[in-house]
């Protein structure tokens, strides 16, 4: 990773960071500190924010979900990217690719957004990003 490079943060990374009981929490924390140290331009998307919030609300509680939501707005280096109708329409093409099995619609929209924004790195524990041609930083 180059100093100051853009990195897309996926739901799995956010969840691991938010939940200390998550088995990947320690690894996620180390990676987060490395990204911050490298001055990474952290990016996520509206669908990822919605997916993460919903997961935290249902699997932890509303207070945890709301605290996480507040935390992503604190460091101004996190930019939340939009997902418009054109992005959604383009994301459906990933479901026709036989190499990507059991893909989520949020992941497919993330791939389209990352390509649109020219982001090659993903902070995620989801192998689908690598299969789709992105470099994992976790």
Protein backbone atom coordinates (compact mmCIF):
# COMPACT_ATOMS: atom_id res chain seq x y z
CA UNK A 1 0.00 0.00 0.00
CA UNK A 2 1.25 3.44 -0.92
CA UNK A 3 1.18 6.28 1.59
CA UNK A 4 -2.17 8.09 1.40
CA UNK A 5 -3.80 5.55 -0.91
CA UNK A 6 -7.58 5.08 -0.88
CA UNK A 7 -8.86 1.96 0.91
CA UNK A 8 -12.45 0.75 0.84
CA UNK A 9 -13.69 -0.49 4.24
CA UNK A 10 -16.22 -3.32 3.98
CA UNK A 11 -18.86 -4.41 6.51
CA UNK A 12 -16.82 -7.32 7.85
CA UNK A 13 -13.99 -5.01 8.83
CA UNK A 14 -16.36 -2.51 10.45
CA UNK A 15 -18.08 -5.29 12.40
CA UNK A 16 -14.78 -6.78 13.58
CA UNK A 17 -13.65 -3.32 14.71
CA UNK A 18 -16.91 -2.59 16.53
CA UNK A 19 -17.30 -5.88 18.40
CA UNK A 20 -14.52 -6.82 20.81
CA UNK A 21 -15.98 -10.36 20.98
CA UNK A 22 -15.55 -10.80 17.22
CA UNK A 23 -12.79 -13.39 16.54
CA UNK A 24 -11.20 -10.99 14.03
CA UNK A 25 -11.27 -7.95 16.34
CA UNK A 26 -7.57 -8.02 17.25
CA UNK A 27 -6.45 -8.45 13.66
CA UNK A 28 -8.86 -5.75 12.49
CA UNK A 29 -7.53 -3.35 15.15
CA UNK A 30 -3.92 -3.94 14.07
CA UNK A 31 -4.82 -3.41 10.42
CA UNK A 32 -6.80 -0.26 11.27
CA UNK A 33 -3.80 1.20 13.10
CA UNK A 34 -1.55 0.39 10.13
CA UNK A 35 -3.98 2.06 7.71
CA UNK A 36 -4.16 5.14 9.90
CA UNK A 37 -0.36 5.21 10.21
CA UNK A 38 -0.02 5.04 6.43
CA UNK A 39 -2.42 7.96 6.01
CA UNK A 40 -4.89 5.80 4.08
CA UNK A 41 -7.85 7.63 2.59
CA UNK A 42 -10.62 5.55 4.11
CA UNK A 43 -13.75 5.05 2.04
CA UNK A 44 -16.96 3.12 2.55
CA UNK A 45 -20.39 3.26 0.95
CA UNK A 46 -23.98 3.91 1.87
CA UNK A 47 -24.92 0.23 1.35
CA UNK A 48 -22.02 -0.87 3.60
CA UNK A 49 -23.07 1.61 6.29
CA UNK A 50 -26.64 0.30 6.17
CA UNK A 51 -25.52 -3.35 6.23
CA UNK A 52 -23.11 -2.79 9.12
CA UNK A 53 -25.58 -0.79 11.19
CA UNK A 54 -28.28 -3.43 10.69
CA UNK A 55 -25.92 -6.25 11.64
CA UNK A 56 -24.76 -4.45 14.80
CA UNK A 57 -28.30 -3.54 15.81
CA UNK A 58 -29.53 -7.11 15.39
CA UNK A 59 -26.50 -8.98 16.72
CA UNK A 60 -25.32 -6.64 19.47
CA UNK A 61 -27.82 -3.89 20.33
CA UNK A 62 -29.00 -0.44 19.28
CA UNK A 63 -26.47 1.33 21.52
CA UNK A 64 -23.55 -0.47 19.86
CA UNK A 65 -24.96 0.27 16.40
CA UNK A 66 -25.48 3.95 17.21
CA UNK A 67 -22.01 4.27 18.77
CA UNK A 68 -20.49 2.74 15.63
CA UNK A 69 -22.48 5.13 13.44
CA UNK A 70 -21.18 8.09 15.42
CA UNK A 71 -17.60 6.80 15.19
CA UNK A 72 -17.55 6.75 11.41
CA UNK A 73 -18.46 10.42 11.33
CA UNK A 74 -15.77 11.44 13.86
CA UNK A 75 -12.58 11.01 11.84
CA UNK A 76 -13.11 13.20 8.84
CA UNK A 77 -10.82 11.01 6.73
CA UNK A 78 -13.65 8.49 6.30
CA UNK A 79 -15.67 9.36 3.24
CA UNK A 80 -19.03 7.68 2.65
CA UNK A 81 -19.54 7.10 -1.06
CA UNK A 82 -22.94 7.19 -2.72
CA UNK A 83 -24.58 4.36 -4.61
CA UNK A 84 -26.87 5.54 -7.34
CA UNK A 85 -29.22 3.70 -9.66
CA UNK A 86 -26.54 3.32 -12.32
CA UNK A 87 -24.21 1.68 -9.78
CA UNK A 88 -26.98 -0.69 -8.74
CA UNK A 89 -27.75 -1.61 -12.35
CA UNK A 90 -24.07 -2.31 -13.06
CA UNK A 91 -23.75 -4.45 -9.93
CA UNK A 92 -26.15 -7.08 -11.28
CA UNK A 93 -23.54 -8.15 -13.85
CA UNK A 94 -21.45 -9.70 -11.06
CA UNK A 95 -24.16 -12.28 -10.48
CA UNK A 96 -23.59 -13.66 -13.98
CA UNK A 97 -19.92 -14.46 -13.22
CA UNK A 98 -19.58 -18.14 -12.32
CA UNK A 99 -16.31 -17.55 -10.42
CA UNK A 100 -18.10 -15.51 -7.73
CA UNK A 101 -20.27 -17.84 -5.67
CA UNK A 102 -22.82 -16.67 -3.06
CA UNK A 103 -22.16 -12.98 -3.59
CA UNK A 104 -24.20 -10.37 -1.73
CA UNK A 105 -25.81 -7.40 -3.46
CA UNK A 106 -23.89 -5.07 -1.12
CA UNK A 107 -20.59 -6.61 -2.20
CA UNK A 108 -21.52 -6.34 -5.87
CA UNK A 109 -22.40 -2.67 -5.42
CA UNK A 110 -19.10 -2.18 -3.55
CA UNK A 111 -17.17 -3.54 -6.54
CA UNK A 112 -18.91 -1.10 -8.89
CA UNK A 113 -18.33 1.83 -6.53
CA UNK A 114 -14.67 0.89 -6.05
CA UNK A 115 -14.13 0.71 -9.81
CA UNK A 116 -15.90 4.04 -10.29
CA UNK A 117 -13.71 5.66 -7.63
CA UNK A 118 -10.55 3.85 -8.85
CA UNK A 119 -9.99 2.16 -5.48
CA UNK A 120 -7.94 -1.02 -5.69
CA UNK A 121 -7.54 -1.86 -1.98
CA UNK A 122 -10.19 -3.30 0.32
CA UNK A 123 -10.08 -3.66 4.10
CA UNK A 124 -12.23 -6.75 4.33
CA UNK A 125 -12.18 -10.37 5.38
CA UNK A 126 -14.40 -11.32 2.43
CA UNK A 127 -12.64 -13.33 -0.30
CA UNK A 128 -15.15 -12.12 -2.91
CA UNK A 129 -13.20 -8.85 -3.19
CA UNK A 130 -10.04 -10.74 -4.20
CA UNK A 131 -11.99 -12.89 -6.67
CA UNK A 132 -13.37 -9.68 -8.20
CA UNK A 133 -9.80 -8.40 -8.69
CA UNK A 134 -9.22 -6.15 -5.69
CA UNK A 135 -6.29 -6.36 -3.28
CA UNK A 136 -7.13 -7.19 0.34
CA UNK A 137 -5.32 -5.34 3.08
CA UNK A 138 -6.63 -7.51 5.94
